[in-house]
């Protein structure tokens, strides 16, 4: 039978595609999981700035996916950075970007942690302790400068513990460093332009 719904990205109606996919409605609610056998042609392009080797390799390996030139306006998926998104006018009904509204709530490390904390509190408040426990897989995290005093207390309690500093809005490993001594943290903090 023929489906007319979204599938990760929205495309024209199709009979089937290769692999196992979650079919999604227009509001991105999961409808069902399906395994299908043939492939449509999906045209994608990248802006060349944000795309890493891994992303490019995954896109190229997908059956039926074809890369189009950067200037080509006939595409289904555009993998780009936020600045490129801002320069795009109206999208056609079949076009999708590798961004979505409020993406930063997941992609910025500090917002991601805030959301996990909020979710855990909600689960506990609702009595869903099993679900709340799922967030315990996340490492102990502090948001600096707001939680500096709490972090220093924790670091003093276990001076052998290794810590990782990750800039909240950074990407591709820029600005990340590892330390054990509080003096290293203090030096970093004092050099920051808050």
N, C-alpha and C. Protein backbone atom coordinates (compact mmCIF):
# COMPACT_ATOMS: atom_id res chain seq x y z
N UNK A 1 0.84 -1.19 0.00
CA UNK A 1 0.00 0.00 0.00
C UNK A 1 0.88 1.25 0.00
N UNK A 2 0.28 2.37 -0.30
CA UNK A 2 1.03 3.62 -0.41
C UNK A 2 0.83 4.46 0.83
N UNK A 3 1.92 5.08 1.32
CA UNK A 3 1.86 5.92 2.51
C UNK A 3 1.96 7.37 2.09
N UNK A 4 1.26 8.22 2.77
CA UNK A 4 1.40 9.65 2.55
C UNK A 4 1.56 10.31 3.91
N UNK A 5 2.77 10.22 4.44
CA UNK A 5 3.06 10.81 5.74
C UNK A 5 4.55 11.13 5.77
N UNK A 6 4.98 11.73 6.84
CA UNK A 6 6.39 12.08 6.96
C UNK A 6 7.19 10.87 7.41
N UNK A 7 8.43 10.79 6.97
CA UNK A 7 9.31 9.71 7.40
C UNK A 7 10.66 10.33 7.69
N UNK A 8 10.90 10.66 8.90
CA UNK A 8 12.08 11.39 9.35
C UNK A 8 12.14 12.76 8.68
N UNK A 9 12.05 12.79 7.40
CA UNK A 9 11.92 14.02 6.63
C UNK A 9 10.70 13.83 5.75
N UNK A 10 10.05 14.88 5.33
CA UNK A 10 8.83 14.72 4.55
C UNK A 10 9.15 14.68 3.07
N UNK A 11 8.66 13.65 2.39
CA UNK A 11 8.87 13.49 0.96
C UNK A 11 7.52 13.26 0.29
N UNK A 12 7.55 13.21 -1.04
CA UNK A 12 6.34 12.91 -1.77
C UNK A 12 5.86 11.50 -1.37
N UNK A 13 4.59 11.16 -1.66
CA UNK A 13 4.11 9.81 -1.35
C UNK A 13 5.05 8.77 -1.97
N UNK A 14 5.20 7.67 -1.27
CA UNK A 14 6.12 6.64 -1.75
C UNK A 14 5.54 5.28 -1.46
N UNK A 15 5.98 4.28 -2.21
CA UNK A 15 5.51 2.91 -1.96
C UNK A 15 6.33 2.26 -0.88
N UNK A 16 7.64 2.41 -0.92
CA UNK A 16 8.47 1.80 0.11
C UNK A 16 9.88 2.35 0.04
N UNK A 17 10.61 2.18 1.09
CA UNK A 17 12.01 2.61 1.13
C UNK A 17 12.83 1.53 1.80
N UNK A 18 14.14 1.59 1.60
CA UNK A 18 15.02 0.56 2.17
C UNK A 18 15.21 0.80 3.65
N UNK A 19 15.22 -0.26 4.42
CA UNK A 19 15.58 -0.18 5.83
C UNK A 19 14.39 -0.17 6.76
N UNK A 20 14.68 0.07 8.01
CA UNK A 20 13.65 0.15 9.03
C UNK A 20 13.55 1.59 9.48
N UNK A 21 12.37 2.14 9.43
CA UNK A 21 12.17 3.54 9.74
C UNK A 21 10.95 3.73 10.62
N UNK A 22 10.96 4.82 11.41
CA UNK A 22 9.76 5.25 12.09
C UNK A 22 9.02 6.15 11.13
N UNK A 23 7.77 5.85 10.87
CA UNK A 23 6.96 6.74 10.06
C UNK A 23 6.37 7.79 10.99
N UNK A 24 6.44 9.04 10.57
CA UNK A 24 6.01 10.15 11.39
C UNK A 24 4.91 10.93 10.68
N UNK A 25 3.95 11.42 11.45
CA UNK A 25 2.94 12.27 10.84
C UNK A 25 3.49 13.69 10.71
N UNK A 26 2.67 14.62 10.22
CA UNK A 26 3.17 15.97 9.96
C UNK A 26 3.63 16.69 11.22
N UNK A 27 3.17 16.27 12.39
CA UNK A 27 3.61 16.86 13.65
C UNK A 27 4.74 16.07 14.29
N UNK A 28 5.33 15.15 13.53
CA UNK A 28 6.45 14.32 13.98
C UNK A 28 6.08 13.39 15.13
N UNK A 29 4.83 12.95 15.16
CA UNK A 29 4.42 11.92 16.10
C UNK A 29 4.64 10.57 15.43
N UNK A 30 5.21 9.63 16.17
CA UNK A 30 5.50 8.33 15.59
C UNK A 30 4.20 7.57 15.33
N UNK A 31 4.06 7.04 14.12
CA UNK A 31 2.88 6.27 13.76
C UNK A 31 3.16 4.79 13.95
N UNK A 32 4.19 4.27 13.29
CA UNK A 32 4.57 2.87 13.45
C UNK A 32 5.96 2.66 12.90
N UNK A 33 6.50 1.50 13.16
CA UNK A 33 7.81 1.11 12.67
C UNK A 33 7.61 0.17 11.50
N UNK A 34 8.35 0.39 10.43
CA UNK A 34 8.13 -0.42 9.24
C UNK A 34 9.45 -0.75 8.56
N UNK A 35 9.53 -1.93 7.97
CA UNK A 35 10.68 -2.32 7.16
C UNK A 35 10.22 -2.38 5.72
N UNK A 36 10.96 -1.70 4.84
CA UNK A 36 10.54 -1.62 3.45
C UNK A 36 11.70 -1.97 2.53
N UNK A 37 11.43 -2.05 1.23
CA UNK A 37 12.42 -2.68 0.36
C UNK A 37 12.97 -1.86 -0.80
N UNK A 38 12.31 -0.86 -1.29
CA UNK A 38 12.87 -0.11 -2.41
C UNK A 38 13.13 1.33 -1.99
N UNK A 39 13.83 2.07 -2.83
CA UNK A 39 14.29 3.38 -2.41
C UNK A 39 13.86 4.50 -3.35
N UNK A 40 13.37 5.63 -2.80
CA UNK A 40 13.12 6.80 -3.61
C UNK A 40 14.44 7.55 -3.80
N UNK A 41 14.45 8.55 -4.64
CA UNK A 41 15.62 9.41 -4.75
C UNK A 41 15.42 10.59 -3.81
N UNK A 42 16.37 10.78 -2.94
CA UNK A 42 16.34 11.90 -2.00
C UNK A 42 17.54 12.78 -2.31
N UNK A 43 17.27 14.03 -2.62
CA UNK A 43 18.34 14.97 -2.99
C UNK A 43 18.74 15.76 -1.75
N UNK A 44 20.02 15.73 -1.44
CA UNK A 44 20.51 16.49 -0.29
C UNK A 44 21.67 17.38 -0.71
N UNK A 45 21.87 18.44 0.08
CA UNK A 45 23.04 19.27 -0.13
C UNK A 45 23.59 19.69 1.22
N UNK A 46 24.84 20.10 1.22
CA UNK A 46 25.49 20.55 2.45
C UNK A 46 26.10 21.92 2.18
N UNK A 47 26.32 22.67 3.26
CA UNK A 47 26.93 23.99 3.06
C UNK A 47 28.45 23.94 3.11
N UNK A 48 29.00 22.76 3.36
CA UNK A 48 30.45 22.61 3.32
C UNK A 48 31.16 23.10 4.56
N UNK A 49 30.52 23.94 5.37
CA UNK A 49 31.16 24.48 6.56
C UNK A 49 30.96 23.56 7.76
N UNK A 50 29.73 23.21 8.02
CA UNK A 50 29.40 22.48 9.24
C UNK A 50 29.49 20.97 9.09
N UNK A 51 29.46 20.48 7.88
CA UNK A 51 29.39 19.04 7.66
C UNK A 51 30.73 18.38 7.94
N UNK A 52 30.71 17.42 8.84
CA UNK A 52 31.92 16.68 9.17
C UNK A 52 32.03 15.47 8.26
N UNK A 53 33.17 14.82 8.29
CA UNK A 53 33.38 13.63 7.48
C UNK A 53 32.39 12.53 7.78
N UNK A 54 32.01 12.40 9.06
CA UNK A 54 31.06 11.35 9.45
C UNK A 54 29.69 11.62 8.84
N UNK A 55 29.22 12.85 8.96
CA UNK A 55 27.90 13.20 8.40
C UNK A 55 27.90 12.98 6.90
N UNK A 56 28.93 13.46 6.23
CA UNK A 56 29.02 13.31 4.77
C UNK A 56 29.02 11.83 4.38
N UNK A 57 29.78 11.02 5.12
CA UNK A 57 29.86 9.58 4.81
C UNK A 57 28.51 8.90 4.99
N UNK A 58 27.78 9.26 6.04
CA UNK A 58 26.47 8.66 6.29
C UNK A 58 25.49 9.05 5.19
N UNK A 59 25.47 10.32 4.82
CA UNK A 59 24.56 10.76 3.77
C UNK A 59 24.87 10.07 2.45
N UNK A 60 26.15 9.94 2.11
CA UNK A 60 26.54 9.30 0.84
C UNK A 60 26.17 7.83 0.80
N UNK A 61 26.21 7.15 1.95
CA UNK A 61 25.94 5.70 1.99
C UNK A 61 24.46 5.36 1.92
N UNK A 62 23.60 6.30 2.16
CA UNK A 62 22.17 5.99 2.16
C UNK A 62 21.70 5.64 0.75
N UNK A 63 21.06 4.48 0.61
CA UNK A 63 20.57 4.08 -0.72
C UNK A 63 19.57 5.10 -1.26
N UNK A 64 19.77 5.49 -2.50
CA UNK A 64 18.84 6.41 -3.14
C UNK A 64 19.07 7.87 -2.82
N UNK A 65 20.05 8.20 -1.99
CA UNK A 65 20.33 9.59 -1.65
C UNK A 65 21.38 10.13 -2.61
N UNK A 66 21.11 11.28 -3.18
CA UNK A 66 22.00 11.89 -4.16
C UNK A 66 22.35 13.31 -3.72
N UNK A 67 23.64 13.60 -3.74
CA UNK A 67 24.08 14.95 -3.38
C UNK A 67 23.93 15.87 -4.58
N UNK A 68 23.36 17.06 -4.34
CA UNK A 68 23.24 18.07 -5.38
C UNK A 68 24.20 19.22 -5.07
N UNK A 69 24.47 20.02 -6.08
CA UNK A 69 25.39 21.15 -5.91
C UNK A 69 24.82 22.16 -4.91
N UNK A 70 25.71 22.89 -4.27
CA UNK A 70 25.31 23.85 -3.25
C UNK A 70 24.33 24.91 -3.78
N UNK A 71 24.48 25.31 -5.04
CA UNK A 71 23.61 26.34 -5.62
C UNK A 71 22.28 25.78 -6.11
N UNK A 72 22.17 24.46 -6.19
CA UNK A 72 20.94 23.81 -6.65
C UNK A 72 19.82 24.05 -5.65
N UNK A 73 18.68 24.53 -6.11
CA UNK A 73 17.53 24.79 -5.23
C UNK A 73 16.55 23.62 -5.18
N UNK A 74 16.80 22.59 -5.97
CA UNK A 74 15.93 21.43 -6.01
C UNK A 74 16.50 20.34 -5.09
N UNK A 75 16.23 20.45 -3.79
CA UNK A 75 16.76 19.52 -2.80
C UNK A 75 15.67 19.16 -1.81
N UNK A 76 15.88 18.04 -1.11
CA UNK A 76 14.95 17.59 -0.07
C UNK A 76 15.49 17.87 1.33
N UNK A 77 16.81 17.73 1.51
CA UNK A 77 17.45 17.94 2.81
C UNK A 77 18.66 18.84 2.62
N UNK A 78 18.77 19.85 3.47
CA UNK A 78 19.94 20.73 3.47
C UNK A 78 20.58 20.63 4.85
N UNK A 79 21.80 20.06 4.89
CA UNK A 79 22.54 19.93 6.15
C UNK A 79 23.46 21.14 6.23
N UNK A 80 23.16 22.06 7.15
CA UNK A 80 23.88 23.33 7.18
C UNK A 80 23.96 23.86 8.60
N UNK A 81 24.70 24.95 8.77
CA UNK A 81 24.78 25.59 10.08
C UNK A 81 23.65 26.61 10.22
N UNK A 82 23.54 27.19 11.40
CA UNK A 82 22.45 28.12 11.69
C UNK A 82 22.50 29.35 10.80
N UNK A 83 23.70 29.83 10.51
CA UNK A 83 23.81 31.02 9.66
C UNK A 83 23.24 30.75 8.26
N UNK A 84 23.46 29.57 7.73
CA UNK A 84 22.89 29.23 6.42
C UNK A 84 21.38 29.14 6.50
N UNK A 85 20.85 28.66 7.61
CA UNK A 85 19.40 28.56 7.79
C UNK A 85 18.79 29.95 7.70
N UNK A 86 19.43 30.92 8.33
CA UNK A 86 18.90 32.29 8.34
C UNK A 86 18.86 32.91 6.95
N UNK A 87 19.73 32.44 6.06
CA UNK A 87 19.79 33.03 4.72
C UNK A 87 18.80 32.40 3.75
N UNK A 88 18.14 31.34 4.17
CA UNK A 88 17.19 30.65 3.30
C UNK A 88 15.83 31.33 3.39
N UNK A 89 15.20 31.51 2.27
CA UNK A 89 13.86 32.08 2.26
C UNK A 89 12.85 31.00 2.66
N UNK A 90 11.70 31.03 2.04
CA UNK A 90 10.66 30.05 2.33
C UNK A 90 11.07 28.68 1.78
N UNK A 91 10.77 27.66 2.54
CA UNK A 91 11.03 26.29 2.11
C UNK A 91 9.85 25.77 1.31
N UNK A 92 10.12 24.91 0.35
CA UNK A 92 9.05 24.21 -0.35
C UNK A 92 8.52 23.13 0.59
N UNK A 93 7.34 22.61 0.32
CA UNK A 93 6.69 21.68 1.24
C UNK A 93 7.50 20.41 1.49
N UNK A 94 8.33 20.00 0.53
CA UNK A 94 9.10 18.76 0.69
C UNK A 94 10.49 19.00 1.27
N UNK A 95 10.88 20.24 1.47
CA UNK A 95 12.25 20.53 1.91
C UNK A 95 12.36 20.56 3.44
N UNK A 96 13.47 19.99 3.92
CA UNK A 96 13.76 19.95 5.35
C UNK A 96 15.19 20.36 5.60
N UNK A 97 15.41 20.94 6.77
CA UNK A 97 16.75 21.34 7.20
C UNK A 97 17.20 20.46 8.35
N UNK A 98 18.50 20.42 8.58
CA UNK A 98 19.04 19.64 9.70
C UNK A 98 18.96 20.46 10.99
N UNK A 99 17.94 21.28 11.10
CA UNK A 99 17.72 22.10 12.29
C UNK A 99 16.22 22.12 12.55
N UNK A 100 15.85 22.40 13.79
CA UNK A 100 14.45 22.55 14.11
C UNK A 100 14.31 23.62 15.18
N UNK A 101 13.11 24.12 15.36
CA UNK A 101 12.86 25.18 16.32
C UNK A 101 13.38 24.79 17.70
N UNK A 102 14.09 25.69 18.34
CA UNK A 102 14.65 25.48 19.69
C UNK A 102 15.68 24.36 19.74
N UNK A 103 16.37 24.12 18.64
CA UNK A 103 17.41 23.09 18.58
C UNK A 103 18.43 23.25 19.70
N UNK A 104 18.73 24.48 20.06
CA UNK A 104 19.73 24.75 21.09
C UNK A 104 19.37 24.12 22.43
N UNK A 105 18.10 23.82 22.66
CA UNK A 105 17.70 23.17 23.91
C UNK A 105 18.32 21.78 24.05
N UNK A 106 18.71 21.18 22.92
CA UNK A 106 19.39 19.88 22.94
C UNK A 106 20.86 20.00 22.60
N UNK A 107 21.21 20.93 21.72
CA UNK A 107 22.58 20.98 21.22
C UNK A 107 23.53 21.76 22.13
N UNK A 108 23.04 22.66 22.93
CA UNK A 108 23.90 23.36 23.90
C UNK A 108 23.96 22.53 25.17
N UNK A 109 25.16 22.24 25.61
CA UNK A 109 25.35 21.33 26.74
C UNK A 109 24.65 21.82 28.01
N UNK A 110 24.71 23.12 28.28
CA UNK A 110 24.08 23.63 29.50
C UNK A 110 22.55 23.51 29.43
N UNK A 111 21.96 23.78 28.28
CA UNK A 111 20.51 23.66 28.16
C UNK A 111 20.07 22.20 28.21
N UNK A 112 20.86 21.33 27.61
CA UNK A 112 20.54 19.90 27.66
C UNK A 112 20.49 19.43 29.11
N UNK A 113 21.49 19.81 29.90
CA UNK A 113 21.52 19.41 31.30
C UNK A 113 20.34 20.01 32.06
N UNK A 114 20.03 21.26 31.81
CA UNK A 114 18.87 21.88 32.48
C UNK A 114 17.60 21.10 32.16
N UNK A 115 17.44 20.71 30.90
CA UNK A 115 16.25 19.97 30.49
C UNK A 115 16.20 18.60 31.15
N UNK A 116 17.33 17.92 31.27
CA UNK A 116 17.35 16.63 31.96
C UNK A 116 17.01 16.80 33.44
N UNK A 117 17.55 17.82 34.06
CA UNK A 117 17.24 18.07 35.48
C UNK A 117 15.75 18.35 35.66
N UNK A 118 15.20 19.19 34.77
CA UNK A 118 13.78 19.52 34.83
C UNK A 118 12.93 18.26 34.64
N UNK A 119 13.32 17.42 33.69
CA UNK A 119 12.60 16.19 33.43
C UNK A 119 12.65 15.25 34.63
N UNK A 120 13.82 15.14 35.26
CA UNK A 120 13.95 14.27 36.43
C UNK A 120 13.05 14.77 37.56
N UNK A 121 13.06 16.08 37.81
CA UNK A 121 12.20 16.64 38.87
C UNK A 121 10.73 16.35 38.58
N UNK A 122 10.33 16.50 37.32
CA UNK A 122 8.95 16.23 36.92
C UNK A 122 8.59 14.77 37.18
N UNK A 123 9.49 13.85 36.79
CA UNK A 123 9.23 12.42 37.00
C UNK A 123 9.10 12.10 38.49
N UNK A 124 9.97 12.67 39.29
CA UNK A 124 9.92 12.42 40.74
C UNK A 124 8.62 12.97 41.31
N UNK A 125 8.25 14.18 40.91
CA UNK A 125 7.02 14.80 41.39
C UNK A 125 5.79 13.96 41.04
N UNK A 126 5.82 13.33 39.86
CA UNK A 126 4.70 12.50 39.42
C UNK A 126 4.78 11.08 39.96
N UNK A 127 5.84 10.78 40.74
CA UNK A 127 5.99 9.45 41.32
C UNK A 127 6.56 8.42 40.36
N UNK A 128 7.09 8.86 39.25
CA UNK A 128 7.66 7.95 38.26
C UNK A 128 9.16 7.82 38.49
N UNK A 129 9.53 7.13 39.58
CA UNK A 129 10.93 7.03 39.99
C UNK A 129 11.76 6.20 39.02
N UNK A 130 11.15 5.21 38.40
CA UNK A 130 11.88 4.38 37.44
C UNK A 130 12.33 5.22 36.24
N UNK A 131 11.45 6.05 35.75
CA UNK A 131 11.79 6.94 34.63
C UNK A 131 12.83 7.98 35.06
N UNK A 132 12.67 8.52 36.26
CA UNK A 132 13.63 9.51 36.77
C UNK A 132 15.02 8.91 36.89
N UNK A 133 15.11 7.64 37.26
CA UNK A 133 16.41 6.98 37.42
C UNK A 133 17.17 6.86 36.10
N UNK A 134 16.46 6.90 34.98
CA UNK A 134 17.12 6.81 33.67
C UNK A 134 18.07 7.98 33.43
N UNK A 135 17.81 9.11 34.07
CA UNK A 135 18.69 10.27 33.88
C UNK A 135 19.98 10.15 34.69
N UNK A 136 20.09 9.14 35.53
CA UNK A 136 21.29 8.95 36.35
C UNK A 136 22.50 8.51 35.53
N UNK A 137 22.31 8.19 34.27
CA UNK A 137 23.44 7.81 33.42
C UNK A 137 24.28 9.03 33.04
N UNK A 138 23.73 10.21 33.23
CA UNK A 138 24.45 11.43 32.89
C UNK A 138 25.52 11.72 33.93
N UNK A 139 26.66 12.24 33.50
CA UNK A 139 27.72 12.55 34.47
C UNK A 139 27.33 13.73 35.35
N UNK A 140 27.94 13.80 36.52
CA UNK A 140 27.75 14.93 37.42
C UNK A 140 28.19 16.18 36.67
N UNK A 141 27.30 17.16 36.58
CA UNK A 141 27.54 18.33 35.74
C UNK A 141 27.24 19.61 36.50
N UNK A 142 28.08 20.60 36.28
CA UNK A 142 27.90 21.91 36.90
C UNK A 142 27.94 22.97 35.81
N UNK A 143 27.09 23.96 35.93
CA UNK A 143 27.08 25.06 34.97
C UNK A 143 27.83 26.24 35.58
N UNK A 144 28.93 26.59 34.94
CA UNK A 144 29.80 27.65 35.43
C UNK A 144 29.48 28.92 34.65
N UNK A 145 29.39 30.09 35.26
CA UNK A 145 29.85 30.42 36.60
C UNK A 145 28.81 30.23 37.70
N UNK A 146 27.53 30.00 37.35
CA UNK A 146 26.46 29.95 38.35
C UNK A 146 26.64 28.92 39.45
N UNK A 147 27.21 27.77 39.13
CA UNK A 147 27.36 26.69 40.11
C UNK A 147 28.82 26.47 40.52
N UNK A 148 29.62 27.52 40.42
CA UNK A 148 31.05 27.40 40.73
C UNK A 148 31.29 26.94 42.16
N UNK A 149 30.61 27.55 43.12
CA UNK A 149 30.83 27.20 44.54
C UNK A 149 30.48 25.74 44.80
N UNK A 150 29.39 25.26 44.23
CA UNK A 150 28.99 23.87 44.42
C UNK A 150 30.02 22.95 43.77
N UNK A 151 30.49 23.32 42.58
CA UNK A 151 31.51 22.52 41.91
C UNK A 151 32.79 22.43 42.74
N UNK A 152 33.26 23.57 43.25
CA UNK A 152 34.51 23.58 44.03
C UNK A 152 34.37 22.69 45.25
N UNK A 153 33.23 22.73 45.91
CA UNK A 153 32.99 21.86 47.07
C UNK A 153 33.07 20.40 46.66
N UNK A 154 32.45 20.03 45.56
CA UNK A 154 32.47 18.65 45.08
C UNK A 154 33.89 18.23 44.70
N UNK A 155 34.63 19.11 44.03
CA UNK A 155 36.00 18.79 43.62
C UNK A 155 36.91 18.61 44.83
N UNK A 156 36.70 19.37 45.87
CA UNK A 156 37.50 19.23 47.10
C UNK A 156 37.17 17.92 47.82
N UNK A 157 35.94 17.45 47.71
CA UNK A 157 35.55 16.19 48.36
C UNK A 157 36.25 14.99 47.73
N UNK A 158 36.61 15.09 46.47
CA UNK A 158 37.29 13.99 45.77
C UNK A 158 38.38 14.58 44.88
N UNK A 159 39.55 14.92 45.48
CA UNK A 159 40.61 15.60 44.73
C UNK A 159 41.24 14.78 43.61
N UNK A 160 41.00 13.48 43.57
CA UNK A 160 41.57 12.63 42.52
C UNK A 160 40.66 12.53 41.29
N UNK A 161 39.47 13.05 41.42
CA UNK A 161 38.51 12.96 40.31
C UNK A 161 38.97 13.82 39.13
N UNK A 162 38.74 13.30 37.94
CA UNK A 162 39.07 14.03 36.71
C UNK A 162 37.82 14.77 36.25
N UNK A 163 38.02 16.00 35.77
CA UNK A 163 36.91 16.83 35.32
C UNK A 163 37.12 17.24 33.87
N UNK A 164 36.03 17.44 33.17
CA UNK A 164 36.07 17.89 31.78
C UNK A 164 35.32 19.22 31.70
N UNK A 165 35.94 20.21 31.10
CA UNK A 165 35.28 21.49 30.84
C UNK A 165 34.89 21.51 29.37
N UNK A 166 33.60 21.76 29.13
CA UNK A 166 33.09 21.85 27.76
C UNK A 166 32.34 23.17 27.64
N UNK A 167 32.77 24.06 26.78
CA UNK A 167 32.02 25.30 26.58
C UNK A 167 30.59 25.00 26.12
N UNK A 168 29.63 25.67 26.72
CA UNK A 168 28.22 25.38 26.46
C UNK A 168 27.85 25.51 24.99
N UNK A 169 28.34 26.54 24.33
CA UNK A 169 27.95 26.76 22.94
C UNK A 169 29.00 26.31 21.94
N UNK A 170 29.99 25.59 22.39
CA UNK A 170 31.06 25.15 21.49
C UNK A 170 30.65 23.95 20.65
N UNK A 171 31.49 23.65 19.68
CA UNK A 171 31.26 22.47 18.86
C UNK A 171 32.59 21.95 18.34
N UNK A 172 32.57 20.71 17.89
CA UNK A 172 33.74 20.07 17.30
C UNK A 172 34.94 20.02 18.24
N UNK A 173 34.70 19.96 19.53
CA UNK A 173 35.79 19.80 20.49
C UNK A 173 36.54 21.06 20.84
N UNK A 174 36.16 22.20 20.28
CA UNK A 174 36.87 23.44 20.58
C UNK A 174 36.62 23.88 22.01
N UNK A 175 37.69 24.22 22.72
CA UNK A 175 37.59 24.74 24.07
C UNK A 175 37.48 23.69 25.16
N UNK A 176 37.46 22.42 24.80
CA UNK A 176 37.36 21.35 25.79
C UNK A 176 38.73 21.09 26.40
N UNK A 177 38.77 20.94 27.71
CA UNK A 177 40.00 20.51 28.35
C UNK A 177 39.69 19.69 29.59
N UNK A 178 40.67 18.90 30.01
CA UNK A 178 40.54 18.00 31.15
C UNK A 178 41.49 18.46 32.24
N UNK A 179 41.06 18.37 33.49
CA UNK A 179 41.92 18.75 34.60
C UNK A 179 41.58 17.93 35.85
N UNK A 180 42.51 17.90 36.79
CA UNK A 180 42.31 17.27 38.09
C UNK A 180 42.48 18.27 39.23
N UNK A 181 43.37 19.23 39.05
CA UNK A 181 43.69 20.19 40.11
C UNK A 181 42.79 21.41 40.02
N UNK A 182 42.27 21.82 41.17
CA UNK A 182 41.43 23.01 41.20
C UNK A 182 42.19 24.25 40.72
N UNK A 183 43.50 24.27 40.91
CA UNK A 183 44.29 25.42 40.45
C UNK A 183 44.18 25.57 38.93
N UNK A 184 44.08 24.45 38.21
CA UNK A 184 43.91 24.51 36.75
C UNK A 184 42.56 25.11 36.39
N UNK A 185 41.54 24.72 37.15
CA UNK A 185 40.20 25.27 36.93
C UNK A 185 40.19 26.77 37.22
N UNK A 186 40.79 27.17 38.35
CA UNK A 186 40.83 28.58 38.73
C UNK A 186 41.53 29.42 37.67
N UNK A 187 42.63 28.88 37.13
CA UNK A 187 43.37 29.60 36.08
C UNK A 187 42.48 29.79 34.85
N UNK A 188 41.78 28.73 34.45
CA UNK A 188 40.87 28.82 33.31
C UNK A 188 39.77 29.85 33.58
N UNK A 189 39.15 29.75 34.77
CA UNK A 189 38.04 30.63 35.13
C UNK A 189 38.47 32.10 35.14
N UNK A 190 39.67 32.36 35.66
CA UNK A 190 40.16 33.73 35.73
C UNK A 190 40.48 34.32 34.36
N UNK A 191 40.74 33.46 33.39
CA UNK A 191 41.04 33.93 32.03
C UNK A 191 39.79 34.05 31.16
N UNK A 192 38.64 33.64 31.69
CA UNK A 192 37.40 33.72 30.92
C UNK A 192 36.87 35.14 30.90
N UNK A 193 36.28 35.52 29.80
CA UNK A 193 35.66 36.84 29.66
C UNK A 193 34.15 36.66 29.89
N UNK A 194 33.73 36.67 31.13
CA UNK A 194 32.33 36.43 31.47
C UNK A 194 31.56 37.66 31.08
